[in-house]
Amino acid sequence: MHLIDFDRVDIANLNRQQYLLHHVGMFKTDALKEELLDINPYLDIHTDCIHVTEENLLELFAQEDIVCEAFDSPEAKAMLVNGILESFSDTFLVAASGMAGYGDSNRIQTRRITDHFYLCGDGSAEPGPGYGLMAPRVILCAAHQANLIVQYICKAQKGE
């Protein structure tokens, strides 16, 4: 598993991300690695505390078979998705869009965009004043992403 992020855990992340109070101030990659190794100490996890850019995308993702996007910025999402689709067309890519606020949980869906690209979310809910990212919808969307990736891995192991 390869975790890539430049950011540190902030107290504002605790309402929607699976960090604990003692992770505040840590690099997100290190905090998540700690959490995952607490669950399964046999995982092989590599981290890069770096900002993903157009300049380093090819190097960072060259060895990846699966990419799960979890950026906050729409511009960063677009840069990553476009870069993966253009440079690594066989890479299985799962991205997220439209999970702000609260409301109908059933609007969070997984849509197949191409053979190797899926988009999870409602595709429209943007954060705004009083309608920011909140744990229930973010976690629902992340669960859609995780479920799809597990399904892909299991099918690949069966040779499907």
N, C-alpha and C. Protein backbone atom coordinates (compact mmCIF):
# COMPACT_ATOMS: atom_id res chain seq x y z
N MET A 1 0.85 -1.17 0.00
CA MET A 1 0.00 0.00 0.00
C MET A 1 0.90 1.23 0.00
N HIS A 2 0.53 2.21 -0.81
CA HIS A 2 1.30 3.43 -0.94
C HIS A 2 0.41 4.60 -0.55
N LEU A 3 0.73 5.28 0.53
CA LEU A 3 -0.04 6.44 0.99
C LEU A 3 0.72 7.70 0.61
N ILE A 4 0.02 8.63 -0.04
CA ILE A 4 0.65 9.87 -0.49
C ILE A 4 -0.20 11.05 -0.01
N ASP A 5 0.41 11.96 0.72
CA ASP A 5 -0.25 13.19 1.15
C ASP A 5 0.82 14.12 1.71
N PHE A 6 0.61 15.41 1.56
CA PHE A 6 1.57 16.39 2.06
C PHE A 6 1.11 17.01 3.37
N ASP A 7 -0.14 16.83 3.71
CA ASP A 7 -0.79 17.56 4.79
C ASP A 7 -0.59 16.91 6.15
N ARG A 8 -0.80 17.71 7.17
CA ARG A 8 -0.78 17.23 8.55
C ARG A 8 -2.22 17.17 9.08
N VAL A 9 -2.45 16.29 10.02
CA VAL A 9 -3.76 16.18 10.65
C VAL A 9 -4.03 17.45 11.44
N ASP A 10 -5.19 18.03 11.19
CA ASP A 10 -5.63 19.24 11.88
C ASP A 10 -6.88 18.88 12.68
N ILE A 11 -7.13 19.63 13.72
CA ILE A 11 -8.32 19.34 14.53
C ILE A 11 -9.59 19.40 13.68
N ALA A 12 -9.59 20.23 12.63
CA ALA A 12 -10.75 20.34 11.75
C ALA A 12 -10.98 19.07 10.94
N ASN A 13 -10.00 18.17 10.86
CA ASN A 13 -10.17 16.91 10.13
C ASN A 13 -10.93 15.88 10.95
N LEU A 14 -10.98 16.03 12.25
CA LEU A 14 -11.52 14.99 13.12
C LEU A 14 -13.02 14.78 12.95
N ASN A 15 -13.74 15.76 12.35
CA ASN A 15 -15.18 15.60 12.18
C ASN A 15 -15.54 14.69 11.01
N ARG A 16 -14.55 14.37 10.14
CA ARG A 16 -14.91 13.60 8.94
C ARG A 16 -13.86 12.60 8.51
N GLN A 17 -12.72 12.57 9.18
CA GLN A 17 -11.66 11.64 8.82
C GLN A 17 -11.33 10.79 10.03
N GLN A 18 -10.80 9.61 9.79
CA GLN A 18 -10.64 8.61 10.84
C GLN A 18 -9.37 8.78 11.66
N TYR A 19 -9.04 10.01 11.99
CA TYR A 19 -7.89 10.27 12.84
C TYR A 19 -8.37 10.45 14.28
N LEU A 20 -7.44 10.30 15.20
CA LEU A 20 -7.73 10.49 16.62
C LEU A 20 -7.05 11.77 17.09
N LEU A 21 -7.47 12.27 18.22
CA LEU A 21 -6.94 13.52 18.74
C LEU A 21 -5.41 13.50 18.84
N HIS A 22 -4.84 12.36 19.22
CA HIS A 22 -3.38 12.32 19.36
C HIS A 22 -2.65 12.37 18.01
N HIS A 23 -3.38 12.27 16.90
CA HIS A 23 -2.77 12.38 15.57
C HIS A 23 -2.61 13.84 15.12
N VAL A 24 -3.28 14.77 15.80
CA VAL A 24 -3.21 16.17 15.40
C VAL A 24 -1.75 16.61 15.37
N GLY A 25 -1.35 17.19 14.24
CA GLY A 25 0.02 17.64 14.04
C GLY A 25 0.89 16.65 13.28
N MET A 26 0.49 15.38 13.24
CA MET A 26 1.25 14.37 12.50
C MET A 26 0.97 14.49 11.00
N PHE A 27 1.92 14.04 10.18
CA PHE A 27 1.61 13.91 8.76
C PHE A 27 0.47 12.91 8.63
N LYS A 28 -0.47 13.19 7.74
CA LYS A 28 -1.62 12.31 7.55
C LYS A 28 -1.17 10.91 7.14
N THR A 29 -0.14 10.82 6.33
CA THR A 29 0.35 9.51 5.90
C THR A 29 0.86 8.70 7.10
N ASP A 30 1.56 9.35 8.01
CA ASP A 30 2.09 8.65 9.19
C ASP A 30 0.97 8.25 10.14
N ALA A 31 -0.01 9.13 10.32
CA ALA A 31 -1.14 8.82 11.20
C ALA A 31 -1.96 7.66 10.64
N LEU A 32 -2.23 7.68 9.34
CA LEU A 32 -3.00 6.60 8.73
C LEU A 32 -2.23 5.29 8.76
N LYS A 33 -0.94 5.36 8.50
CA LYS A 33 -0.12 4.16 8.57
C LYS A 33 -0.18 3.55 9.97
N GLU A 34 -0.10 4.39 10.99
CA GLU A 34 -0.20 3.92 12.38
C GLU A 34 -1.54 3.22 12.62
N GLU A 35 -2.63 3.85 12.16
CA GLU A 35 -3.97 3.28 12.32
C GLU A 35 -4.07 1.93 11.63
N LEU A 36 -3.61 1.86 10.40
CA LEU A 36 -3.72 0.62 9.63
C LEU A 36 -2.87 -0.50 10.23
N LEU A 37 -1.68 -0.16 10.70
CA LEU A 37 -0.82 -1.19 11.31
C LEU A 37 -1.37 -1.66 12.65
N ASP A 38 -2.12 -0.81 13.34
CA ASP A 38 -2.81 -1.26 14.56
C ASP A 38 -3.86 -2.31 14.22
N ILE A 39 -4.50 -2.17 13.07
CA ILE A 39 -5.50 -3.13 12.63
C ILE A 39 -4.84 -4.40 12.11
N ASN A 40 -3.80 -4.23 11.29
CA ASN A 40 -3.12 -5.37 10.68
C ASN A 40 -1.62 -5.09 10.60
N PRO A 41 -0.85 -5.61 11.55
CA PRO A 41 0.59 -5.34 11.58
C PRO A 41 1.38 -5.99 10.45
N TYR A 42 0.72 -6.78 9.62
CA TYR A 42 1.41 -7.47 8.51
C TYR A 42 1.32 -6.71 7.19
N LEU A 43 0.69 -5.55 7.21
CA LEU A 43 0.59 -4.75 5.99
C LEU A 43 1.95 -4.20 5.59
N ASP A 44 2.16 -4.09 4.30
CA ASP A 44 3.36 -3.47 3.75
C ASP A 44 2.94 -2.07 3.28
N ILE A 45 3.31 -1.05 4.03
CA ILE A 45 2.87 0.31 3.75
C ILE A 45 4.07 1.20 3.50
N HIS A 46 4.04 1.89 2.36
CA HIS A 46 5.06 2.87 2.00
C HIS A 46 4.39 4.23 2.01
N THR A 47 5.05 5.25 2.55
CA THR A 47 4.46 6.59 2.59
C THR A 47 5.35 7.59 1.87
N ASP A 48 4.70 8.57 1.29
CA ASP A 48 5.37 9.73 0.72
C ASP A 48 4.65 10.97 1.23
N CYS A 49 5.35 11.77 2.02
CA CYS A 49 4.79 13.03 2.51
C CYS A 49 5.17 14.10 1.49
N ILE A 50 4.35 14.21 0.46
CA ILE A 50 4.65 15.09 -0.66
C ILE A 50 3.36 15.56 -1.31
N HIS A 51 3.39 16.75 -1.86
CA HIS A 51 2.25 17.29 -2.58
C HIS A 51 2.26 16.72 -3.99
N VAL A 52 1.20 16.08 -4.42
CA VAL A 52 1.12 15.51 -5.76
C VAL A 52 0.93 16.66 -6.76
N THR A 53 1.81 16.69 -7.75
CA THR A 53 1.74 17.72 -8.79
C THR A 53 1.83 17.06 -10.16
N GLU A 54 1.59 17.83 -11.20
CA GLU A 54 1.75 17.31 -12.56
C GLU A 54 3.19 16.86 -12.79
N GLU A 55 4.13 17.55 -12.14
CA GLU A 55 5.54 17.25 -12.33
C GLU A 55 5.98 15.93 -11.69
N ASN A 56 5.37 15.54 -10.57
CA ASN A 56 5.81 14.31 -9.89
C ASN A 56 4.81 13.15 -10.00
N LEU A 57 3.67 13.38 -10.65
CA LEU A 57 2.64 12.36 -10.75
C LEU A 57 3.16 11.08 -11.41
N LEU A 58 3.87 11.21 -12.51
CA LEU A 58 4.36 10.02 -13.22
C LEU A 58 5.26 9.18 -12.33
N GLU A 59 6.15 9.81 -11.61
CA GLU A 59 7.07 9.08 -10.73
C GLU A 59 6.33 8.45 -9.55
N LEU A 60 5.42 9.20 -8.94
CA LEU A 60 4.72 8.70 -7.75
C LEU A 60 3.80 7.52 -8.04
N PHE A 61 3.17 7.49 -9.22
CA PHE A 61 2.15 6.48 -9.50
C PHE A 61 2.58 5.43 -10.53
N ALA A 62 3.82 5.45 -10.92
CA ALA A 62 4.30 4.54 -11.98
C ALA A 62 4.12 3.06 -11.62
N GLN A 63 4.21 2.71 -10.36
CA GLN A 63 4.15 1.31 -9.95
C GLN A 63 2.78 0.89 -9.41
N GLU A 64 1.81 1.78 -9.47
CA GLU A 64 0.52 1.50 -8.84
C GLU A 64 -0.46 0.84 -9.80
N ASP A 65 -1.13 -0.21 -9.34
CA ASP A 65 -2.17 -0.88 -10.12
C ASP A 65 -3.55 -0.29 -9.83
N ILE A 66 -3.68 0.28 -8.62
CA ILE A 66 -4.95 0.83 -8.15
C ILE A 66 -4.66 2.20 -7.53
N VAL A 67 -5.46 3.19 -7.86
CA VAL A 67 -5.35 4.51 -7.25
C VAL A 67 -6.71 4.89 -6.69
N CYS A 68 -6.72 5.28 -5.42
CA CYS A 68 -7.94 5.76 -4.76
C CYS A 68 -7.73 7.24 -4.43
N GLU A 69 -8.46 8.10 -5.11
CA GLU A 69 -8.32 9.55 -4.94
C GLU A 69 -9.13 10.01 -3.74
N ALA A 70 -8.53 10.90 -2.92
CA ALA A 70 -9.24 11.45 -1.77
C ALA A 70 -8.82 12.89 -1.51
N PHE A 71 -8.67 13.67 -2.56
CA PHE A 71 -8.28 15.08 -2.43
C PHE A 71 -9.48 15.94 -2.06
N ASP A 72 -9.22 17.06 -1.40
CA ASP A 72 -10.27 18.03 -1.10
C ASP A 72 -10.51 18.99 -2.27
N SER A 73 -9.45 19.39 -2.93
CA SER A 73 -9.52 20.40 -3.97
C SER A 73 -9.99 19.83 -5.31
N PRO A 74 -11.02 20.44 -5.91
CA PRO A 74 -11.47 19.98 -7.23
C PRO A 74 -10.36 20.05 -8.29
N GLU A 75 -9.51 21.06 -8.19
CA GLU A 75 -8.41 21.19 -9.15
C GLU A 75 -7.42 20.04 -8.99
N ALA A 76 -7.11 19.67 -7.75
CA ALA A 76 -6.18 18.56 -7.49
C ALA A 76 -6.80 17.24 -7.96
N LYS A 77 -8.11 17.07 -7.72
CA LYS A 77 -8.81 15.86 -8.19
C LYS A 77 -8.69 15.74 -9.71
N ALA A 78 -8.98 16.84 -10.40
CA ALA A 78 -8.94 16.83 -11.86
C ALA A 78 -7.52 16.54 -12.36
N MET A 79 -6.53 17.14 -11.73
CA MET A 79 -5.15 16.92 -12.13
C MET A 79 -4.76 15.46 -11.98
N LEU A 80 -5.12 14.85 -10.84
CA LEU A 80 -4.78 13.45 -10.61
C LEU A 80 -5.53 12.54 -11.58
N VAL A 81 -6.82 12.72 -11.69
CA VAL A 81 -7.63 11.86 -12.57
C VAL A 81 -7.13 11.97 -14.02
N ASN A 82 -6.95 13.18 -14.50
CA ASN A 82 -6.48 13.36 -15.87
C ASN A 82 -5.10 12.76 -16.06
N GLY A 83 -4.21 12.96 -15.10
CA GLY A 83 -2.87 12.40 -15.21
C GLY A 83 -2.86 10.88 -15.22
N ILE A 84 -3.66 10.26 -14.37
CA ILE A 84 -3.72 8.79 -14.33
C ILE A 84 -4.34 8.27 -15.62
N LEU A 85 -5.44 8.87 -16.06
CA LEU A 85 -6.11 8.40 -17.28
C LEU A 85 -5.22 8.56 -18.50
N GLU A 86 -4.46 9.64 -18.58
CA GLU A 86 -3.60 9.89 -19.74
C GLU A 86 -2.34 9.03 -19.73
N SER A 87 -1.74 8.84 -18.55
CA SER A 87 -0.43 8.18 -18.48
C SER A 87 -0.48 6.71 -18.08
N PHE A 88 -1.53 6.31 -17.39
CA PHE A 88 -1.62 4.94 -16.88
C PHE A 88 -3.01 4.40 -17.17
N SER A 89 -3.32 4.19 -18.42
CA SER A 89 -4.68 3.84 -18.83
C SER A 89 -5.17 2.50 -18.27
N ASP A 90 -4.26 1.61 -17.86
CA ASP A 90 -4.66 0.32 -17.29
C ASP A 90 -4.79 0.36 -15.77
N THR A 91 -4.47 1.48 -15.16
CA THR A 91 -4.58 1.61 -13.70
C THR A 91 -6.05 1.72 -13.31
N PHE A 92 -6.45 0.98 -12.30
CA PHE A 92 -7.82 1.04 -11.77
C PHE A 92 -7.91 2.28 -10.89
N LEU A 93 -8.77 3.21 -11.25
CA LEU A 93 -8.87 4.51 -10.58
C LEU A 93 -10.27 4.69 -10.01
N VAL A 94 -10.31 5.03 -8.72
CA VAL A 94 -11.58 5.32 -8.05
C VAL A 94 -11.47 6.71 -7.43
N ALA A 95 -12.31 7.61 -7.86
CA ALA A 95 -12.29 8.99 -7.37
C ALA A 95 -13.62 9.30 -6.69
N ALA A 96 -13.68 10.47 -6.05
CA ALA A 96 -14.89 10.88 -5.33
C ALA A 96 -15.25 12.31 -5.68
N SER A 97 -16.55 12.58 -5.73
CA SER A 97 -17.03 13.93 -6.01
C SER A 97 -18.46 14.05 -5.51
N GLY A 98 -18.73 15.13 -4.79
CA GLY A 98 -20.10 15.38 -4.34
C GLY A 98 -20.48 14.61 -3.11
N MET A 99 -19.97 15.05 -1.96
CA MET A 99 -20.32 14.39 -0.71
C MET A 99 -20.52 15.39 0.42
N ALA A 100 -20.69 16.65 0.08
CA ALA A 100 -20.83 17.68 1.10
C ALA A 100 -22.18 17.62 1.79
N GLY A 101 -22.20 18.19 2.97
CA GLY A 101 -23.43 18.38 3.71
C GLY A 101 -24.04 17.13 4.29
N TYR A 102 -25.36 17.10 4.31
CA TYR A 102 -26.13 16.02 4.91
C TYR A 102 -27.32 15.75 4.01
N GLY A 103 -28.08 14.77 4.33
CA GLY A 103 -29.26 14.52 3.52
C GLY A 103 -29.34 13.08 3.08
N ASP A 104 -29.96 12.87 1.95
CA ASP A 104 -30.27 11.55 1.43
C ASP A 104 -28.99 10.73 1.19
N SER A 105 -28.78 9.72 2.00
CA SER A 105 -27.60 8.85 1.88
C SER A 105 -27.60 8.07 0.58
N ASN A 106 -28.77 7.81 0.05
CA ASN A 106 -28.87 7.01 -1.17
C ASN A 106 -28.43 7.76 -2.42
N ARG A 107 -28.16 9.05 -2.30
CA ARG A 107 -27.63 9.81 -3.44
C ARG A 107 -26.15 9.50 -3.65
N ILE A 108 -25.46 8.98 -2.64
CA ILE A 108 -24.06 8.58 -2.79
C ILE A 108 -24.07 7.27 -3.58
N GLN A 109 -23.50 7.30 -4.76
CA GLN A 109 -23.49 6.14 -5.64
C GLN A 109 -22.12 5.97 -6.27
N THR A 110 -21.90 4.79 -6.81
CA THR A 110 -20.68 4.50 -7.57
C THR A 110 -21.06 4.40 -9.03
N ARG A 111 -20.40 5.21 -9.86
CA ARG A 111 -20.70 5.21 -11.29
C ARG A 111 -19.44 4.81 -12.08
N ARG A 112 -19.63 3.94 -13.04
CA ARG A 112 -18.55 3.55 -13.93
C ARG A 112 -18.45 4.60 -15.03
N ILE A 113 -17.26 5.20 -15.15
CA ILE A 113 -17.05 6.23 -16.16
C ILE A 113 -16.39 5.61 -17.39
N THR A 114 -15.34 4.80 -17.17
CA THR A 114 -14.68 4.05 -18.24
C THR A 114 -14.39 2.65 -17.70
N ASP A 115 -13.72 1.83 -18.48
CA ASP A 115 -13.38 0.47 -18.03
C ASP A 115 -12.59 0.46 -16.72
N HIS A 116 -11.75 1.45 -16.51
CA HIS A 116 -10.87 1.47 -15.34
C HIS A 116 -11.08 2.68 -14.44
N PHE A 117 -12.12 3.46 -14.67
CA PHE A 117 -12.34 4.68 -13.89
C PHE A 117 -13.76 4.70 -13.36
N TYR A 118 -13.86 4.83 -12.02
CA TYR A 118 -15.14 4.90 -11.33
C TYR A 118 -15.18 6.16 -10.47
N LEU A 119 -16.37 6.71 -10.31
CA LEU A 119 -16.57 7.92 -9.53
C LEU A 119 -17.64 7.67 -8.48
N CYS A 120 -17.30 7.94 -7.23
CA CYS A 120 -18.23 7.75 -6.12
C CYS A 120 -18.67 9.12 -5.59
N GLY A 121 -19.90 9.20 -5.16
CA GLY A 121 -20.45 10.44 -4.61
C GLY A 121 -21.79 10.71 -5.24
N ASP A 122 -22.31 11.93 -5.01
CA ASP A 122 -23.58 12.26 -5.67
C ASP A 122 -23.32 13.12 -6.90
N GLY A 123 -22.07 13.51 -7.10
CA GLY A 123 -21.70 14.24 -8.30
C GLY A 123 -22.11 15.69 -8.32
N SER A 124 -22.74 16.17 -7.23
CA SER A 124 -23.20 17.55 -7.28
C SER A 124 -23.02 18.33 -5.98
N ALA A 125 -23.08 17.69 -4.84
CA ALA A 125 -23.04 18.41 -3.56
C ALA A 125 -21.67 19.04 -3.32
N GLU A 126 -21.61 20.37 -3.41
CA GLU A 126 -20.37 21.08 -3.16
C GLU A 126 -20.42 21.72 -1.78
N PRO A 127 -19.26 21.77 -1.09
CA PRO A 127 -19.25 22.41 0.22
C PRO A 127 -19.48 23.91 0.10
N GLY A 128 -20.08 24.46 1.12
CA GLY A 128 -20.31 25.89 1.21
C GLY A 128 -20.64 26.25 2.64
N PRO A 129 -20.88 27.52 2.92
CA PRO A 129 -21.20 27.94 4.30
C PRO A 129 -22.40 27.16 4.84
N GLY A 130 -22.19 26.49 5.96
CA GLY A 130 -23.25 25.70 6.58
C GLY A 130 -23.52 24.38 5.89
N TYR A 131 -22.72 24.06 4.88
CA TYR A 131 -22.94 22.85 4.10
C TYR A 131 -21.59 22.26 3.72
N GLY A 132 -20.74 22.08 4.72
CA GLY A 132 -19.39 21.56 4.48
C GLY A 132 -19.35 20.05 4.45
N LEU A 133 -18.12 19.55 4.40
CA LEU A 133 -17.92 18.10 4.43
C LEU A 133 -18.21 17.59 5.83
N MET A 134 -19.09 16.61 5.93
CA MET A 134 -19.48 16.05 7.22
C MET A 134 -19.27 14.55 7.19
N ALA A 135 -18.94 14.02 8.35
CA ALA A 135 -18.53 12.62 8.46
C ALA A 135 -19.47 11.62 7.79
N PRO A 136 -20.78 11.68 7.99
CA PRO A 136 -21.62 10.62 7.43
C PRO A 136 -21.50 10.46 5.92
N ARG A 137 -21.57 11.54 5.17
CA ARG A 137 -21.51 11.43 3.71
C ARG A 137 -20.09 11.15 3.21
N VAL A 138 -19.09 11.72 3.88
CA VAL A 138 -17.70 11.43 3.51
C VAL A 138 -17.40 9.95 3.74
N ILE A 139 -17.84 9.42 4.87
CA ILE A 139 -17.60 8.01 5.20
C ILE A 139 -18.38 7.09 4.25
N LEU A 140 -19.61 7.47 3.91
CA LEU A 140 -20.37 6.68 2.92
C LEU A 140 -19.64 6.62 1.59
N CYS A 141 -19.13 7.75 1.16
CA CYS A 141 -18.42 7.79 -0.12
C CYS A 141 -17.13 6.98 -0.05
N ALA A 142 -16.39 7.12 1.05
CA ALA A 142 -15.16 6.34 1.23
C ALA A 142 -15.46 4.85 1.26
N ALA A 143 -16.60 4.47 1.86
CA ALA A 143 -16.98 3.06 1.90
C ALA A 143 -17.29 2.55 0.49
N HIS A 144 -17.92 3.39 -0.33
CA HIS A 144 -18.15 3.00 -1.72
C HIS A 144 -16.82 2.76 -2.43
N GLN A 145 -15.87 3.67 -2.21
CA GLN A 145 -14.56 3.52 -2.84
C GLN A 145 -13.88 2.23 -2.37
N ALA A 146 -13.86 2.01 -1.07
CA ALA A 146 -13.21 0.82 -0.51
C ALA A 146 -13.88 -0.45 -1.00
N ASN A 147 -15.20 -0.48 -1.01
CA ASN A 147 -15.93 -1.66 -1.46
C ASN A 147 -15.60 -2.00 -2.91
N LEU A 148 -15.55 -0.99 -3.75
CA LEU A 148 -15.24 -1.23 -5.16
C LEU A 148 -13.82 -1.76 -5.33
N ILE A 149 -12.89 -1.22 -4.56
CA ILE A 149 -11.50 -1.68 -4.66
C ILE A 149 -11.35 -3.11 -4.15
N VAL A 150 -12.01 -3.44 -3.06
CA VAL A 150 -11.98 -4.83 -2.57
C VAL A 150 -12.58 -5.76 -3.61
N GLN A 151 -13.69 -5.38 -4.20
CA GLN A 151 -14.32 -6.19 -5.26
C GLN A 151 -13.34 -6.39 -6.42
N TYR A 152 -12.67 -5.33 -6.83
CA TYR A 152 -11.71 -5.41 -7.93
C TYR A 152 -10.56 -6.36 -7.60
N ILE A 153 -10.02 -6.25 -6.38
CA ILE A 153 -8.91 -7.12 -5.96
C ILE A 153 -9.35 -8.58 -5.92
N CYS A 154 -10.52 -8.82 -5.35
CA CYS A 154 -11.01 -10.22 -5.25
C CYS A 154 -11.23 -10.82 -6.65
N LYS A 155 -11.79 -10.05 -7.55
CA LYS A 155 -12.00 -10.55 -8.91
C LYS A 155 -10.66 -10.79 -9.60
N ALA A 156 -9.70 -9.92 -9.39
CA ALA A 156 -8.37 -10.08 -10.00
C ALA A 156 -7.69 -11.34 -9.48
N GLN A 157 -7.86 -11.65 -8.19
CA GLN A 157 -7.26 -12.85 -7.62
C GLN A 157 -7.90 -14.11 -8.18
N LYS A 158 -9.16 -14.02 -8.56
CA LYS A 158 -9.86 -15.16 -9.15
C LYS A 158 -9.59 -15.26 -10.65
N GLY A 159 -8.91 -14.25 -11.20
CA GLY A 159 -8.63 -14.24 -12.62
C GLY A 159 -9.78 -13.75 -13.48
N GLU A 160 -10.71 -13.07 -12.88
CA GLU A 160 -11.89 -12.55 -13.62
C GLU A 160 -11.58 -11.24 -14.29
